[in-house]
Amino acid sequence: ANSARSSKARGSEVYFLSPRGATDQAAAELANRENAAHMVGMDAGAIADDVMMSILMDLQSSGILRRSGQLAELALGELGRVDGLPTRYIKQARFAVLRTLSMPSILVEVGYLTNRGEAKLLKRDSAQEEVGRRLADTVIAYCQNYGEKGRPMIVQHRVHRVRRGDTLWELAQLYGTSVAAITQANGLRGNGLRVGQELVLP
């Protein structure tokens, strides 16, 4: 859920990654706030990985960004069907949680908790269930419309059992992902790994 200085701000917004920065000042402020929270506990390897991410973005981002934009459009359309919850815009920003090259990704701000009406709406179980259903429908519609040859796309996660000497940086290189993605997928804090620990590799 979102927040704003003005209590009049309301509606759903959907974000996808922008490699060139935010589309407006509000998007930039939100991304900075979210990223600051996301970076708590991140290790030095994640900083080095940020450099690699910039290089890979030049090579692979165009297809991922296009597909993420398609997903964002579908999501905003579905959220527009939630009674009492208007839609706003699709925006781009450099959210840390969106910086993956393995699949399309979006960030949905469902509504504004600083708006009294929307805060009340989002507290209702029925509203939460409808929002969840609309987002699930978004994923289904995306797979049906843009999946390979019209078939749903199934994302298979790999599992790696940590061996002595393994590091997050080396695993990211080995599996073609990023330190940030591994950290997020496994809820890790810091770069410490245990021998025998099983990691999901997105």
N, C-alpha and C. Protein backbone atom coordinates (compact mmCIF):
# COMPACT_ATOMS: atom_id res chain seq x y z
N ALA A 1 0.84 -1.19 0.00
CA ALA A 1 0.00 0.00 0.00
C ALA A 1 0.88 1.24 0.00
N ASN A 2 0.36 2.32 -0.54
CA ASN A 2 1.12 3.55 -0.74
C ASN A 2 0.82 4.56 0.37
N SER A 3 1.53 5.66 0.33
CA SER A 3 1.26 6.78 1.23
C SER A 3 1.67 8.06 0.52
N ALA A 4 1.12 9.18 0.96
CA ALA A 4 1.43 10.46 0.34
C ALA A 4 1.28 11.57 1.36
N ARG A 5 1.88 12.71 1.06
CA ARG A 5 1.76 13.86 1.96
C ARG A 5 0.32 14.35 2.01
N SER A 6 -0.38 14.24 0.87
CA SER A 6 -1.76 14.69 0.81
C SER A 6 -2.72 13.54 1.08
N SER A 7 -3.68 13.78 1.94
CA SER A 7 -4.66 12.74 2.25
C SER A 7 -5.66 12.55 1.10
N LYS A 8 -5.61 13.42 0.10
CA LYS A 8 -6.52 13.30 -1.04
C LYS A 8 -6.00 12.32 -2.09
N ALA A 9 -4.73 11.97 -2.04
CA ALA A 9 -4.17 11.04 -3.02
C ALA A 9 -4.83 9.69 -2.86
N ARG A 10 -5.24 9.08 -3.98
CA ARG A 10 -5.89 7.78 -3.91
C ARG A 10 -5.71 7.03 -5.23
N GLY A 11 -5.95 5.71 -5.18
CA GLY A 11 -5.91 4.90 -6.38
C GLY A 11 -4.72 3.97 -6.46
N SER A 12 -4.84 2.98 -7.34
CA SER A 12 -3.78 1.99 -7.55
C SER A 12 -2.78 2.48 -8.59
N GLU A 13 -1.53 2.16 -8.38
CA GLU A 13 -0.48 2.45 -9.35
C GLU A 13 0.34 1.18 -9.55
N VAL A 14 0.90 1.02 -10.74
CA VAL A 14 1.73 -0.13 -11.03
C VAL A 14 3.06 0.37 -11.59
N TYR A 15 4.14 -0.17 -11.07
CA TYR A 15 5.48 0.23 -11.48
C TYR A 15 6.20 -0.93 -12.15
N PHE A 16 7.03 -0.60 -13.14
CA PHE A 16 8.02 -1.57 -13.61
C PHE A 16 9.35 -0.85 -13.75
N LEU A 17 10.38 -1.61 -13.96
CA LEU A 17 11.75 -1.09 -13.86
C LEU A 17 12.06 -0.05 -14.92
N SER A 18 12.77 0.97 -14.51
CA SER A 18 13.33 1.95 -15.44
C SER A 18 14.84 1.97 -15.26
N PRO A 19 15.61 1.64 -16.29
CA PRO A 19 17.07 1.69 -16.16
C PRO A 19 17.61 3.11 -16.16
N ARG A 20 16.75 4.09 -16.50
CA ARG A 20 17.21 5.49 -16.61
C ARG A 20 16.69 6.37 -15.49
N GLY A 21 16.06 5.79 -14.50
CA GLY A 21 15.54 6.60 -13.40
C GLY A 21 14.03 6.66 -13.42
N ALA A 22 13.47 7.42 -12.50
CA ALA A 22 12.02 7.46 -12.31
C ALA A 22 11.33 8.35 -13.33
N THR A 23 10.06 8.07 -13.58
CA THR A 23 9.29 8.86 -14.52
C THR A 23 8.84 10.19 -13.94
N ASP A 24 8.79 10.31 -12.61
CA ASP A 24 8.46 11.59 -12.00
C ASP A 24 9.02 11.63 -10.58
N GLN A 25 8.91 12.79 -9.94
CA GLN A 25 9.51 12.98 -8.62
C GLN A 25 8.89 12.07 -7.58
N ALA A 26 7.56 11.88 -7.65
CA ALA A 26 6.90 11.02 -6.67
C ALA A 26 7.39 9.59 -6.79
N ALA A 27 7.58 9.13 -8.03
CA ALA A 27 8.08 7.77 -8.24
C ALA A 27 9.50 7.64 -7.71
N ALA A 28 10.31 8.67 -7.91
CA ALA A 28 11.68 8.65 -7.42
C ALA A 28 11.73 8.59 -5.90
N GLU A 29 10.88 9.39 -5.24
CA GLU A 29 10.85 9.40 -3.78
C GLU A 29 10.41 8.04 -3.23
N LEU A 30 9.41 7.46 -3.87
CA LEU A 30 8.93 6.16 -3.42
C LEU A 30 9.99 5.09 -3.60
N ALA A 31 10.66 5.11 -4.76
CA ALA A 31 11.71 4.13 -5.02
C ALA A 31 12.85 4.28 -4.01
N ASN A 32 13.24 5.50 -3.71
CA ASN A 32 14.32 5.72 -2.75
C ASN A 32 13.93 5.20 -1.37
N ARG A 33 12.70 5.42 -0.97
CA ARG A 33 12.22 4.97 0.34
C ARG A 33 12.19 3.45 0.41
N GLU A 34 11.65 2.82 -0.64
CA GLU A 34 11.56 1.36 -0.68
C GLU A 34 12.96 0.74 -0.74
N ASN A 35 13.83 1.32 -1.55
CA ASN A 35 15.17 0.75 -1.71
C ASN A 35 15.99 0.87 -0.43
N ALA A 36 15.80 1.95 0.31
CA ALA A 36 16.52 2.11 1.57
C ALA A 36 16.16 0.98 2.53
N ALA A 37 14.89 0.63 2.57
CA ALA A 37 14.46 -0.47 3.45
C ALA A 37 14.98 -1.80 2.93
N HIS A 38 14.98 -1.96 1.61
CA HIS A 38 15.42 -3.23 1.01
C HIS A 38 16.90 -3.48 1.24
N MET A 39 17.70 -2.40 1.28
CA MET A 39 19.15 -2.56 1.36
C MET A 39 19.65 -2.86 2.77
N VAL A 40 18.78 -2.79 3.76
CA VAL A 40 19.22 -3.10 5.13
C VAL A 40 19.70 -4.55 5.18
N GLY A 41 20.91 -4.74 5.65
CA GLY A 41 21.45 -6.09 5.75
C GLY A 41 22.08 -6.61 4.49
N MET A 42 22.10 -5.82 3.39
CA MET A 42 22.73 -6.30 2.17
C MET A 42 24.25 -6.30 2.34
N ASP A 43 24.90 -7.22 1.64
CA ASP A 43 26.34 -7.37 1.79
C ASP A 43 27.08 -6.62 0.69
N ALA A 44 28.41 -6.57 0.83
CA ALA A 44 29.23 -5.86 -0.15
C ALA A 44 29.12 -6.49 -1.52
N GLY A 45 28.89 -7.78 -1.58
CA GLY A 45 28.75 -8.46 -2.87
C GLY A 45 27.58 -7.92 -3.65
N ALA A 46 26.53 -7.50 -2.96
CA ALA A 46 25.36 -6.95 -3.65
C ALA A 46 25.70 -5.63 -4.32
N ILE A 47 26.63 -4.87 -3.71
CA ILE A 47 27.05 -3.61 -4.30
C ILE A 47 27.85 -3.87 -5.57
N ALA A 48 28.76 -4.85 -5.50
CA ALA A 48 29.52 -5.21 -6.69
C ALA A 48 28.58 -5.74 -7.77
N ASP A 49 27.57 -6.47 -7.34
CA ASP A 49 26.61 -7.04 -8.28
C ASP A 49 25.84 -5.94 -9.00
N ASP A 50 25.71 -4.78 -8.37
CA ASP A 50 25.00 -3.68 -8.99
C ASP A 50 25.71 -3.23 -10.27
N VAL A 51 27.04 -3.31 -10.27
CA VAL A 51 27.80 -2.95 -11.45
C VAL A 51 27.53 -3.95 -12.56
N MET A 52 27.54 -5.22 -12.21
CA MET A 52 27.25 -6.25 -13.19
C MET A 52 25.83 -6.12 -13.72
N MET A 53 24.89 -5.74 -12.85
CA MET A 53 23.51 -5.56 -13.27
C MET A 53 23.41 -4.49 -14.35
N SER A 54 24.18 -3.42 -14.21
CA SER A 54 24.14 -2.35 -15.20
C SER A 54 24.60 -2.84 -16.57
N ILE A 55 25.62 -3.68 -16.57
CA ILE A 55 26.13 -4.23 -17.82
C ILE A 55 25.11 -5.16 -18.46
N LEU A 56 24.56 -6.06 -17.64
CA LEU A 56 23.58 -7.00 -18.16
C LEU A 56 22.31 -6.30 -18.63
N MET A 57 21.97 -5.20 -17.95
CA MET A 57 20.77 -4.47 -18.32
C MET A 57 20.85 -3.97 -19.76
N ASP A 58 22.05 -3.52 -20.16
CA ASP A 58 22.21 -3.04 -21.53
C ASP A 58 21.95 -4.14 -22.54
N LEU A 59 22.28 -5.38 -22.18
CA LEU A 59 22.18 -6.50 -23.12
C LEU A 59 20.79 -7.12 -23.14
N GLN A 60 20.12 -7.16 -22.00
CA GLN A 60 18.90 -7.93 -21.90
C GLN A 60 17.65 -7.15 -21.51
N SER A 61 17.81 -5.89 -21.15
CA SER A 61 16.68 -5.19 -20.54
C SER A 61 15.54 -4.91 -21.50
N SER A 62 15.84 -4.72 -22.78
CA SER A 62 14.78 -4.29 -23.69
C SER A 62 13.62 -5.28 -23.71
N GLY A 63 13.93 -6.59 -23.81
CA GLY A 63 12.87 -7.60 -23.82
C GLY A 63 12.17 -7.69 -22.48
N ILE A 64 12.93 -7.67 -21.39
CA ILE A 64 12.35 -7.76 -20.05
C ILE A 64 11.47 -6.55 -19.76
N LEU A 65 11.95 -5.36 -20.12
CA LEU A 65 11.17 -4.16 -19.86
C LEU A 65 9.88 -4.15 -20.67
N ARG A 66 9.95 -4.60 -21.91
CA ARG A 66 8.74 -4.66 -22.73
C ARG A 66 7.72 -5.61 -22.12
N ARG A 67 8.17 -6.77 -21.70
CA ARG A 67 7.27 -7.76 -21.10
C ARG A 67 6.75 -7.27 -19.75
N SER A 68 7.60 -6.59 -18.99
CA SER A 68 7.14 -6.03 -17.71
C SER A 68 6.09 -4.96 -17.93
N GLY A 69 6.26 -4.16 -18.98
CA GLY A 69 5.27 -3.15 -19.31
C GLY A 69 3.93 -3.77 -19.68
N GLN A 70 3.98 -4.89 -20.42
CA GLN A 70 2.74 -5.60 -20.77
C GLN A 70 2.05 -6.13 -19.52
N LEU A 71 2.85 -6.67 -18.60
CA LEU A 71 2.29 -7.18 -17.34
C LEU A 71 1.68 -6.05 -16.53
N ALA A 72 2.35 -4.90 -16.51
CA ALA A 72 1.85 -3.74 -15.76
C ALA A 72 0.51 -3.27 -16.32
N GLU A 73 0.37 -3.25 -17.63
CA GLU A 73 -0.89 -2.82 -18.25
C GLU A 73 -2.03 -3.75 -17.87
N LEU A 74 -1.76 -5.05 -17.90
CA LEU A 74 -2.79 -6.02 -17.52
C LEU A 74 -3.18 -5.85 -16.05
N ALA A 75 -2.18 -5.62 -15.19
CA ALA A 75 -2.45 -5.47 -13.76
C ALA A 75 -3.32 -4.25 -13.49
N LEU A 76 -2.98 -3.14 -14.12
CA LEU A 76 -3.76 -1.92 -13.88
C LEU A 76 -5.19 -2.10 -14.38
N GLY A 77 -5.34 -2.79 -15.51
CA GLY A 77 -6.68 -3.06 -16.02
C GLY A 77 -7.51 -3.91 -15.08
N GLU A 78 -6.90 -4.93 -14.50
CA GLU A 78 -7.61 -5.79 -13.56
C GLU A 78 -7.96 -5.04 -12.28
N LEU A 79 -7.02 -4.24 -11.77
CA LEU A 79 -7.28 -3.49 -10.54
C LEU A 79 -8.38 -2.46 -10.73
N GLY A 80 -8.55 -2.00 -11.96
CA GLY A 80 -9.61 -1.05 -12.25
C GLY A 80 -11.00 -1.65 -12.08
N ARG A 81 -11.08 -2.97 -11.95
CA ARG A 81 -12.36 -3.65 -11.75
C ARG A 81 -12.71 -3.82 -10.28
N VAL A 82 -11.79 -3.43 -9.39
CA VAL A 82 -12.08 -3.51 -7.95
C VAL A 82 -12.99 -2.36 -7.56
N ASP A 83 -14.14 -2.66 -7.00
CA ASP A 83 -15.13 -1.66 -6.65
C ASP A 83 -14.59 -0.71 -5.58
N GLY A 84 -14.67 0.58 -5.86
CA GLY A 84 -14.26 1.58 -4.89
C GLY A 84 -12.78 1.90 -4.90
N LEU A 85 -12.03 1.31 -5.85
CA LEU A 85 -10.59 1.54 -5.90
C LEU A 85 -10.21 2.04 -7.29
N PRO A 86 -10.08 3.34 -7.48
CA PRO A 86 -9.73 3.87 -8.80
C PRO A 86 -8.28 3.53 -9.16
N THR A 87 -7.99 3.59 -10.44
CA THR A 87 -6.62 3.37 -10.90
C THR A 87 -5.99 4.70 -11.28
N ARG A 88 -4.66 4.75 -11.15
CA ARG A 88 -3.94 5.98 -11.47
C ARG A 88 -3.09 5.77 -12.72
N TYR A 89 -1.84 5.41 -12.55
CA TYR A 89 -0.94 5.38 -13.69
C TYR A 89 -0.03 4.15 -13.65
N ILE A 90 0.59 3.90 -14.79
CA ILE A 90 1.74 3.00 -14.85
C ILE A 90 2.98 3.89 -14.85
N LYS A 91 3.91 3.59 -13.96
CA LYS A 91 5.13 4.40 -13.85
C LYS A 91 6.36 3.50 -13.88
N GLN A 92 7.49 4.12 -14.08
CA GLN A 92 8.76 3.40 -14.05
C GLN A 92 9.67 4.03 -13.01
N ALA A 93 10.40 3.17 -12.29
CA ALA A 93 11.36 3.63 -11.29
C ALA A 93 12.37 2.52 -11.05
N ARG A 94 13.46 2.84 -10.38
CA ARG A 94 14.52 1.87 -10.13
C ARG A 94 14.35 1.23 -8.76
N PHE A 95 13.28 0.46 -8.62
CA PHE A 95 13.06 -0.29 -7.39
C PHE A 95 14.03 -1.47 -7.34
N ALA A 96 14.66 -1.66 -6.20
CA ALA A 96 15.58 -2.79 -6.05
C ALA A 96 14.86 -4.12 -6.26
N VAL A 97 13.60 -4.21 -5.82
CA VAL A 97 12.87 -5.47 -5.90
C VAL A 97 12.48 -5.83 -7.33
N LEU A 98 12.62 -4.89 -8.27
CA LEU A 98 12.27 -5.16 -9.66
C LEU A 98 13.48 -5.50 -10.52
N ARG A 99 14.66 -5.43 -9.93
CA ARG A 99 15.86 -5.54 -10.75
C ARG A 99 16.27 -6.99 -10.97
N THR A 100 15.47 -7.69 -11.74
CA THR A 100 15.78 -9.06 -12.13
C THR A 100 15.67 -9.17 -13.64
N LEU A 101 16.52 -9.97 -14.23
CA LEU A 101 16.48 -10.19 -15.68
C LEU A 101 15.90 -11.55 -16.01
N SER A 102 15.44 -12.29 -15.01
CA SER A 102 15.00 -13.66 -15.24
C SER A 102 13.53 -13.75 -15.63
N MET A 103 12.75 -12.71 -15.37
CA MET A 103 11.32 -12.77 -15.66
C MET A 103 10.74 -11.36 -15.60
N PRO A 104 9.57 -11.15 -16.21
CA PRO A 104 8.90 -9.85 -16.07
C PRO A 104 8.56 -9.61 -14.61
N SER A 105 8.64 -8.35 -14.17
CA SER A 105 8.35 -8.05 -12.77
C SER A 105 7.70 -6.68 -12.67
N ILE A 106 6.77 -6.56 -11.74
CA ILE A 106 6.08 -5.30 -11.47
C ILE A 106 5.96 -5.10 -9.98
N LEU A 107 5.72 -3.86 -9.57
CA LEU A 107 5.43 -3.54 -8.19
C LEU A 107 4.07 -2.85 -8.18
N VAL A 108 3.14 -3.38 -7.40
CA VAL A 108 1.78 -2.84 -7.35
C VAL A 108 1.58 -2.09 -6.03
N GLU A 109 1.23 -0.82 -6.14
CA GLU A 109 0.81 -0.04 -4.98
C GLU A 109 -0.72 -0.03 -5.01
N VAL A 110 -1.33 -0.83 -4.15
CA VAL A 110 -2.77 -1.10 -4.26
C VAL A 110 -3.61 0.14 -3.98
N GLY A 111 -3.24 0.91 -2.99
CA GLY A 111 -4.02 2.10 -2.63
C GLY A 111 -3.24 2.91 -1.60
N TYR A 112 -3.84 3.98 -1.14
CA TYR A 112 -3.17 4.90 -0.22
C TYR A 112 -3.72 4.75 1.20
N LEU A 113 -2.85 4.37 2.13
CA LEU A 113 -3.26 4.28 3.53
C LEU A 113 -3.42 5.65 4.16
N THR A 114 -2.87 6.67 3.50
CA THR A 114 -3.04 8.04 3.99
C THR A 114 -4.36 8.64 3.55
N ASN A 115 -5.12 7.90 2.73
CA ASN A 115 -6.47 8.31 2.35
C ASN A 115 -7.45 7.54 3.21
N ARG A 116 -8.27 8.23 3.96
CA ARG A 116 -9.13 7.58 4.94
C ARG A 116 -10.05 6.54 4.30
N GLY A 117 -10.63 6.89 3.16
CA GLY A 117 -11.55 5.97 2.50
C GLY A 117 -10.86 4.70 2.02
N GLU A 118 -9.69 4.85 1.41
CA GLU A 118 -8.98 3.68 0.91
C GLU A 118 -8.41 2.83 2.05
N ALA A 119 -7.97 3.48 3.11
CA ALA A 119 -7.49 2.73 4.27
C ALA A 119 -8.60 1.86 4.84
N LYS A 120 -9.79 2.42 4.92
CA LYS A 120 -10.94 1.66 5.41
C LYS A 120 -11.27 0.51 4.47
N LEU A 121 -11.22 0.78 3.15
CA LEU A 121 -11.51 -0.25 2.16
C LEU A 121 -10.52 -1.40 2.26
N LEU A 122 -9.25 -1.07 2.35
CA LEU A 122 -8.20 -2.10 2.32
C LEU A 122 -8.14 -2.93 3.61
N LYS A 123 -8.81 -2.47 4.65
CA LYS A 123 -8.88 -3.26 5.87
C LYS A 123 -9.90 -4.39 5.76
N ARG A 124 -10.81 -4.29 4.81
CA ARG A 124 -11.86 -5.29 4.68
C ARG A 124 -11.33 -6.57 4.04
N ASP A 125 -11.68 -7.70 4.63
CA ASP A 125 -11.24 -8.98 4.09
C ASP A 125 -11.72 -9.17 2.65
N SER A 126 -12.94 -8.74 2.37
CA SER A 126 -13.49 -8.92 1.03
C SER A 126 -12.71 -8.14 -0.01
N ALA A 127 -12.27 -6.92 0.35
CA ALA A 127 -11.50 -6.10 -0.57
C ALA A 127 -10.12 -6.71 -0.80
N GLN A 128 -9.50 -7.19 0.27
CA GLN A 128 -8.19 -7.83 0.13
C GLN A 128 -8.28 -9.07 -0.75
N GLU A 129 -9.35 -9.83 -0.57
CA GLU A 129 -9.53 -11.03 -1.38
C GLU A 129 -9.74 -10.68 -2.85
N GLU A 130 -10.50 -9.62 -3.10
CA GLU A 130 -10.73 -9.24 -4.49
C GLU A 130 -9.46 -8.74 -5.16
N VAL A 131 -8.67 -7.94 -4.44
CA VAL A 131 -7.40 -7.47 -4.98
C VAL A 131 -6.50 -8.65 -5.31
N GLY A 132 -6.41 -9.60 -4.39
CA GLY A 132 -5.60 -10.79 -4.63
C GLY A 132 -6.06 -11.57 -5.84
N ARG A 133 -7.39 -11.68 -5.98
CA ARG A 133 -7.95 -12.41 -7.12
C ARG A 133 -7.64 -11.69 -8.43
N ARG A 134 -7.74 -10.36 -8.43
CA ARG A 134 -7.44 -9.59 -9.64
C ARG A 134 -5.97 -9.71 -10.04
N LEU A 135 -5.09 -9.75 -9.06
CA LEU A 135 -3.67 -9.89 -9.38
C LEU A 135 -3.36 -11.31 -9.88
N ALA A 136 -4.05 -12.30 -9.31
CA ALA A 136 -3.89 -13.66 -9.82
C ALA A 136 -4.40 -13.75 -11.26
N ASP A 137 -5.52 -13.09 -11.53
CA ASP A 137 -6.05 -13.07 -12.90
C ASP A 137 -5.07 -12.38 -13.85
N THR A 138 -4.34 -11.40 -13.34
CA THR A 138 -3.34 -10.71 -14.15
C THR A 138 -2.27 -11.69 -14.63
N VAL A 139 -1.78 -12.51 -13.72
CA VAL A 139 -0.73 -13.48 -14.07
C VAL A 139 -1.26 -14.48 -15.09
N ILE A 140 -2.49 -14.95 -14.87
CA ILE A 140 -3.08 -15.91 -15.80
C ILE A 140 -3.25 -15.29 -17.18
N ALA A 141 -3.75 -14.05 -17.22
CA ALA A 141 -3.95 -13.37 -18.51
C ALA A 141 -2.63 -13.14 -19.21
N TYR A 142 -1.60 -12.81 -18.46
CA TYR A 142 -0.29 -12.59 -19.06
C TYR A 142 0.22 -13.88 -19.70
N CYS A 143 0.11 -14.97 -18.99
CA CYS A 143 0.58 -16.25 -19.52
C CYS A 143 -0.20 -16.65 -20.77
N GLN A 144 -1.49 -16.41 -20.75
CA GLN A 144 -2.33 -16.77 -21.91
C GLN A 144 -2.04 -15.89 -23.12
N ASN A 145 -1.78 -14.61 -22.86
CA ASN A 145 -1.56 -13.68 -23.98
C ASN A 145 -0.13 -13.65 -24.49
N TYR A 146 0.82 -13.83 -23.59
CA TYR A 146 2.21 -13.64 -23.97
C TYR A 146 3.09 -14.86 -23.72
N GLY A 147 2.50 -15.95 -23.20
CA GLY A 147 3.27 -17.16 -22.97
C GLY A 147 3.74 -17.76 -24.29
N GLU A 148 4.76 -18.58 -24.24
CA GLU A 148 5.32 -19.18 -25.45
C GLU A 148 4.26 -19.99 -26.18
N LYS A 149 3.99 -19.60 -27.42
CA LYS A 149 3.01 -20.27 -28.27
C LYS A 149 1.64 -20.38 -27.60
N GLY A 150 1.30 -19.35 -26.80
CA GLY A 150 0.00 -19.33 -26.18
C GLY A 150 -0.14 -20.21 -24.96
N ARG A 151 0.94 -20.91 -24.58
CA ARG A 151 0.86 -21.78 -23.41
C ARG A 151 1.33 -21.01 -22.18
N PRO A 152 0.77 -21.31 -21.01
CA PRO A 152 1.23 -20.64 -19.79
C PRO A 152 2.71 -20.88 -19.58
N MET A 153 3.38 -19.86 -19.09
CA MET A 153 4.80 -19.98 -18.78
C MET A 153 4.96 -20.44 -17.35
N ILE A 154 5.70 -21.49 -17.13
CA ILE A 154 5.93 -22.02 -15.79
C ILE A 154 7.37 -21.70 -15.41
N VAL A 155 7.53 -20.92 -14.35
CA VAL A 155 8.87 -20.56 -13.89
C VAL A 155 9.35 -21.63 -12.92
N GLN A 156 10.41 -22.30 -13.27
CA GLN A 156 10.94 -23.35 -12.41
C GLN A 156 12.15 -22.81 -11.65
N HIS A 157 12.06 -22.86 -10.34
CA HIS A 157 13.17 -22.40 -9.52
C HIS A 157 14.15 -23.56 -9.28
N ARG A 158 15.43 -23.25 -9.36
CA ARG A 158 16.45 -24.23 -9.08
C ARG A 158 16.83 -24.16 -7.60
N VAL A 159 17.27 -25.28 -7.07
CA VAL A 159 17.68 -25.33 -5.67
C VAL A 159 19.14 -25.74 -5.62
N HIS A 160 19.92 -25.00 -4.87
CA HIS A 160 21.35 -25.29 -4.72
C HIS A 160 21.65 -25.59 -3.25
N ARG A 161 22.32 -26.69 -3.00
CA ARG A 161 22.77 -27.01 -1.64
C ARG A 161 24.16 -26.43 -1.45
N VAL A 162 24.30 -25.57 -0.46
CA VAL A 162 25.55 -24.84 -0.25
C VAL A 162 26.68 -25.79 0.12
N ARG A 163 27.80 -25.61 -0.59
CA ARG A 163 29.02 -26.37 -0.30
C ARG A 163 30.05 -25.44 0.32
N ARG A 164 31.06 -26.03 0.94
CA ARG A 164 32.11 -25.24 1.57
C ARG A 164 32.78 -24.35 0.52
N GLY A 165 32.91 -23.07 0.83
CA GLY A 165 33.55 -22.13 -0.09
C GLY A 165 32.60 -21.38 -1.00
N ASP A 166 31.33 -21.78 -1.03
CA ASP A 166 30.36 -21.09 -1.87
C ASP A 166 30.15 -19.66 -1.38
N THR A 167 29.99 -18.73 -2.30
CA THR A 167 29.63 -17.35 -1.98
C THR A 167 28.42 -16.96 -2.83
N LEU A 168 27.69 -15.96 -2.36
CA LEU A 168 26.53 -15.50 -3.11
C LEU A 168 26.94 -14.97 -4.48
N TRP A 169 28.05 -14.29 -4.56
CA TRP A 169 28.52 -13.74 -5.83
C TRP A 169 28.79 -14.86 -6.83
N GLU A 170 29.49 -15.90 -6.39
CA GLU A 170 29.82 -17.01 -7.28
C GLU A 170 28.56 -17.75 -7.72
N LEU A 171 27.61 -17.94 -6.80
CA LEU A 171 26.36 -18.62 -7.15
C LEU A 171 25.56 -17.80 -8.15
N ALA A 172 25.55 -16.48 -7.98
CA ALA A 172 24.84 -15.61 -8.92
C ALA A 172 25.43 -15.74 -10.32
N GLN A 173 26.75 -15.80 -10.40
CA GLN A 173 27.40 -15.95 -11.71
C GLN A 173 27.13 -17.32 -12.30
N LEU A 174 27.17 -18.35 -11.46
CA LEU A 174 26.99 -19.73 -11.92
C LEU A 174 25.59 -19.95 -12.47
N TYR A 175 24.58 -19.38 -11.81
CA TYR A 175 23.19 -19.64 -12.20
C TYR A 175 22.57 -18.51 -13.02
N GLY A 176 23.37 -17.52 -13.39
CA GLY A 176 22.86 -16.46 -14.24
C GLY A 176 21.80 -15.59 -13.59
N THR A 177 21.98 -15.32 -12.29
CA THR A 177 21.03 -14.45 -11.60
C THR A 177 21.82 -13.37 -10.88
N SER A 178 21.28 -12.75 -9.86
CA SER A 178 21.98 -11.69 -9.14
C SER A 178 21.98 -11.98 -7.64
N VAL A 179 22.93 -11.37 -6.95
CA VAL A 179 23.00 -11.52 -5.49
C VAL A 179 21.71 -11.00 -4.85
N ALA A 180 21.23 -9.86 -5.36
CA ALA A 180 20.00 -9.28 -4.80
C ALA A 180 18.81 -10.23 -4.98
N ALA A 181 18.73 -10.89 -6.15
CA ALA A 181 17.61 -11.81 -6.41
C ALA A 181 17.68 -13.02 -5.49
N ILE A 182 18.90 -13.56 -5.28
CA ILE A 182 19.06 -14.71 -4.38
C ILE A 182 18.70 -14.30 -2.95
N THR A 183 19.18 -13.13 -2.55
CA THR A 183 18.91 -12.63 -1.19
C THR A 183 17.42 -12.48 -0.96
N GLN A 184 16.73 -11.88 -1.93
CA GLN A 184 15.29 -11.66 -1.80
C GLN A 184 14.53 -12.98 -1.80
N ALA A 185 14.88 -13.89 -2.70
CA ALA A 185 14.15 -15.15 -2.83
C ALA A 185 14.26 -16.02 -1.58
N ASN A 186 15.37 -15.86 -0.83
CA ASN A 186 15.60 -16.71 0.33
C ASN A 186 15.49 -15.98 1.66
N GLY A 187 15.15 -14.68 1.61
CA GLY A 187 15.01 -13.91 2.84
C GLY A 187 16.30 -13.80 3.62
N LEU A 188 17.42 -13.69 2.90
CA LEU A 188 18.74 -13.66 3.56
C LEU A 188 19.04 -12.26 4.08
N ARG A 189 19.81 -12.21 5.14
CA ARG A 189 20.36 -10.96 5.65
C ARG A 189 21.86 -11.14 5.78
N GLY A 190 22.60 -10.33 5.08
CA GLY A 190 24.04 -10.50 5.08
C GLY A 190 24.46 -11.56 4.07
N ASN A 191 25.76 -11.85 4.07
CA ASN A 191 26.29 -12.78 3.07
C ASN A 191 26.71 -14.11 3.65
N GLY A 192 26.36 -14.38 4.91
CA GLY A 192 26.75 -15.65 5.53
C GLY A 192 25.93 -16.82 5.00
N LEU A 193 26.59 -17.90 4.62
CA LEU A 193 25.93 -19.11 4.16
C LEU A 193 26.38 -20.29 5.01
N ARG A 194 25.48 -21.26 5.19
CA ARG A 194 25.80 -22.46 5.95
C ARG A 194 25.97 -23.64 5.00
N VAL A 195 26.99 -24.44 5.26
CA VAL A 195 27.17 -25.65 4.47
C VAL A 195 25.94 -26.54 4.64
N GLY A 196 25.38 -27.00 3.53
CA GLY A 196 24.18 -27.82 3.57
C GLY A 196 22.90 -27.03 3.43
N GLN A 197 22.98 -25.70 3.53
CA GLN A 197 21.81 -24.84 3.39
C GLN A 197 21.28 -24.93 1.95
N GLU A 198 19.97 -25.00 1.78
CA GLU A 198 19.38 -25.05 0.45
C GLU A 198 18.89 -23.66 0.05
N LEU A 199 19.32 -23.21 -1.11
CA LEU A 199 18.95 -21.89 -1.61
C LEU A 199 18.12 -22.04 -2.88
N VAL A 200 17.07 -21.23 -2.97
CA VAL A 200 16.31 -21.13 -4.21
C VAL A 200 17.04 -20.17 -5.14
N LEU A 201 17.30 -20.60 -6.35
CA LEU A 201 17.99 -19.77 -7.32
C LEU A 201 16.99 -19.30 -8.37
N PRO A 202 16.51 -18.03 -8.28
CA PRO A 202 15.51 -17.53 -9.22
C PRO A 202 16.09 -17.33 -10.61
